[in-house]
Amino acid sequence: MYEIWLGLNIVWEIALDVWPVLLIVAVIWVALMAMAWRCSAARWRAAWPWALAAGAVVALAAFLAVPTLTKSSLGALAYWVDWASLLAIAAGFGAAALAFAWPLLSMLGTRRLSPGRTQA
């Protein structure tokens, strides 16, 4: 249990250091959501699988890249907390990619996203 609280404390301390960047990213996301809000429900539904796929690709890339970026490797992960932390970091990157991809892809429209349709 101590490791979980320690991990949460570390995340909080990092967030306190970079709060201006987090604020800017949040404002950009809210602006994207506001622009995409005018799209029809069909566009939102059509964009969902593509945004989910983008989030999964980013999560997989983060899972493989984060150990290298921290000068470590997947082989150095021996304790369950190490694996849980890596999975949480990768999931966070994937969720952020999903959160930005969904409104952007919904603004593209269903014609560009549907694989069976041709653009008129």
Protein backbone atom coordinates (compact mmCIF):
# COMPACT_ATOMS: atom_id res chain seq x y z
CA MET A 1 0.00 0.00 0.00
CA TYR A 2 2.89 2.32 0.75
CA GLU A 3 4.11 2.06 -2.85
CA ILE A 4 0.74 3.20 -4.19
CA TRP A 5 0.67 6.29 -1.96
CA LEU A 6 4.27 7.02 -2.78
CA GLY A 7 3.48 6.79 -6.50
CA LEU A 8 0.50 9.12 -6.13
CA ASN A 9 2.63 11.58 -4.17
CA ILE A 10 5.28 11.54 -6.90
CA VAL A 11 2.64 12.18 -9.58
CA TRP A 12 1.25 15.09 -7.51
CA GLU A 13 4.70 16.63 -7.03
CA ILE A 14 5.48 16.36 -10.75
CA ALA A 15 2.10 17.93 -11.59
CA LEU A 16 2.86 20.83 -9.24
CA ASP A 17 6.10 21.46 -11.12
CA VAL A 18 4.49 21.50 -14.57
CA TRP A 19 1.07 22.96 -13.79
CA PRO A 20 1.36 25.78 -16.36
CA VAL A 21 1.90 23.24 -19.14
CA LEU A 22 -0.98 21.12 -17.85
CA LEU A 23 -3.19 24.22 -17.79
CA ILE A 24 -2.32 25.10 -21.40
CA VAL A 25 -2.98 21.53 -22.54
CA ALA A 26 -6.32 21.53 -20.70
CA VAL A 27 -7.36 24.82 -22.34
CA ILE A 28 -6.44 23.46 -25.78
CA TRP A 29 -8.45 20.30 -25.11
CA VAL A 30 -11.49 22.29 -23.96
CA ALA A 31 -11.23 24.45 -27.11
CA LEU A 32 -11.09 21.34 -29.30
CA MET A 33 -14.10 19.88 -27.53
CA ALA A 34 -16.01 23.14 -27.98
CA MET A 35 -15.26 23.21 -31.71
CA ALA A 36 -16.14 19.53 -32.12
CA TRP A 37 -19.34 19.89 -30.08
CA ARG A 38 -21.12 21.19 -33.18
CA CYS A 39 -20.46 17.93 -35.03
CA SER A 40 -23.27 15.45 -35.40
CA ALA A 41 -23.56 12.33 -33.28
CA ALA A 42 -22.79 10.25 -36.37
CA ARG A 43 -19.42 11.94 -36.68
CA TRP A 44 -18.66 11.30 -33.00
CA ARG A 45 -19.59 7.62 -33.42
CA ALA A 46 -17.55 7.27 -36.60
CA ALA A 47 -14.52 8.86 -34.98
CA TRP A 48 -14.61 6.68 -31.84
CA PRO A 49 -12.98 3.50 -33.25
CA TRP A 50 -10.25 5.51 -34.96
CA ALA A 51 -9.56 7.55 -31.84
CA LEU A 52 -9.50 4.37 -29.76
CA ALA A 53 -7.02 2.83 -32.18
CA ALA A 54 -4.84 5.95 -31.99
CA GLY A 55 -4.91 5.78 -28.20
CA ALA A 56 -3.97 2.09 -28.25
CA VAL A 57 -1.05 2.71 -30.64
CA VAL A 58 0.24 5.56 -28.46
CA ALA A 59 -0.14 3.44 -25.32
CA LEU A 60 1.81 0.58 -26.90
CA ALA A 61 4.51 2.96 -28.10
CA ALA A 62 4.75 4.51 -24.63
CA PHE A 63 4.92 1.07 -23.01
CA LEU A 64 7.91 0.22 -25.18
CA ALA A 65 9.59 3.64 -25.15
CA VAL A 66 9.30 4.83 -21.54
CA PRO A 67 11.86 2.39 -20.09
CA THR A 68 14.37 3.41 -22.75
CA LEU A 69 13.68 7.11 -22.23
CA THR A 70 14.35 6.69 -18.51
CA LYS A 71 17.62 4.87 -19.25
CA SER A 72 16.23 1.52 -18.19
CA SER A 73 14.80 -1.51 -19.98
CA LEU A 74 11.86 -3.89 -19.79
CA GLY A 75 14.26 -6.49 -18.38
CA ALA A 76 14.96 -4.28 -15.37
CA LEU A 77 11.30 -4.38 -14.29
CA ALA A 78 11.33 -7.03 -11.58
CA TYR A 79 8.76 -5.87 -9.03
CA TRP A 80 5.00 -5.73 -9.65
CA VAL A 81 4.94 -2.03 -8.80
CA ASP A 82 7.40 -1.38 -11.63
CA TRP A 83 5.08 -3.10 -14.10
CA ALA A 84 2.01 -1.38 -12.67
CA SER A 85 3.72 2.01 -12.93
CA LEU A 86 4.76 1.38 -16.52
CA LEU A 87 1.25 0.23 -17.45
CA ALA A 88 -0.25 3.31 -15.76
CA ILE A 89 2.15 5.65 -17.57
CA ALA A 90 1.40 3.99 -20.91
CA ALA A 91 -2.34 4.10 -20.21
CA GLY A 92 -2.05 7.80 -19.38
CA PHE A 93 -0.34 8.55 -22.68
CA GLY A 94 -2.95 6.46 -24.51
CA ALA A 95 -5.82 8.23 -22.75
CA ALA A 96 -4.35 11.63 -23.59
CA ALA A 97 -4.01 10.61 -27.25
CA LEU A 98 -7.60 9.35 -27.26
CA ALA A 99 -8.84 12.57 -25.63
CA PHE A 100 -7.23 14.70 -28.33
CA ALA A 101 -7.84 12.38 -31.29
CA TRP A 102 -11.58 11.95 -30.76
CA PRO A 103 -12.62 15.59 -31.22
CA LEU A 104 -10.08 16.10 -34.01
CA LEU A 105 -11.28 13.04 -35.91
CA SER A 106 -14.93 13.91 -35.35
CA MET A 107 -14.32 17.26 -37.02
CA LEU A 108 -12.98 15.44 -40.10
CA GLY A 109 -16.41 13.95 -40.75
CA THR A 110 -17.81 10.52 -41.45
CA ARG A 111 -16.90 10.41 -45.13
CA ARG A 112 -13.20 10.50 -44.43
CA LEU A 113 -13.44 8.00 -41.56
CA SER A 114 -15.72 5.33 -42.98
CA PRO A 115 -13.66 2.68 -44.81
CA GLY A 116 -16.43 1.68 -47.24
CA ARG A 117 -17.32 5.16 -48.48
CA THR A 118 -15.75 7.20 -51.18
CA GLN A 119 -15.44 10.93 -50.80
CA ALA A 120 -17.76 12.91 -53.04
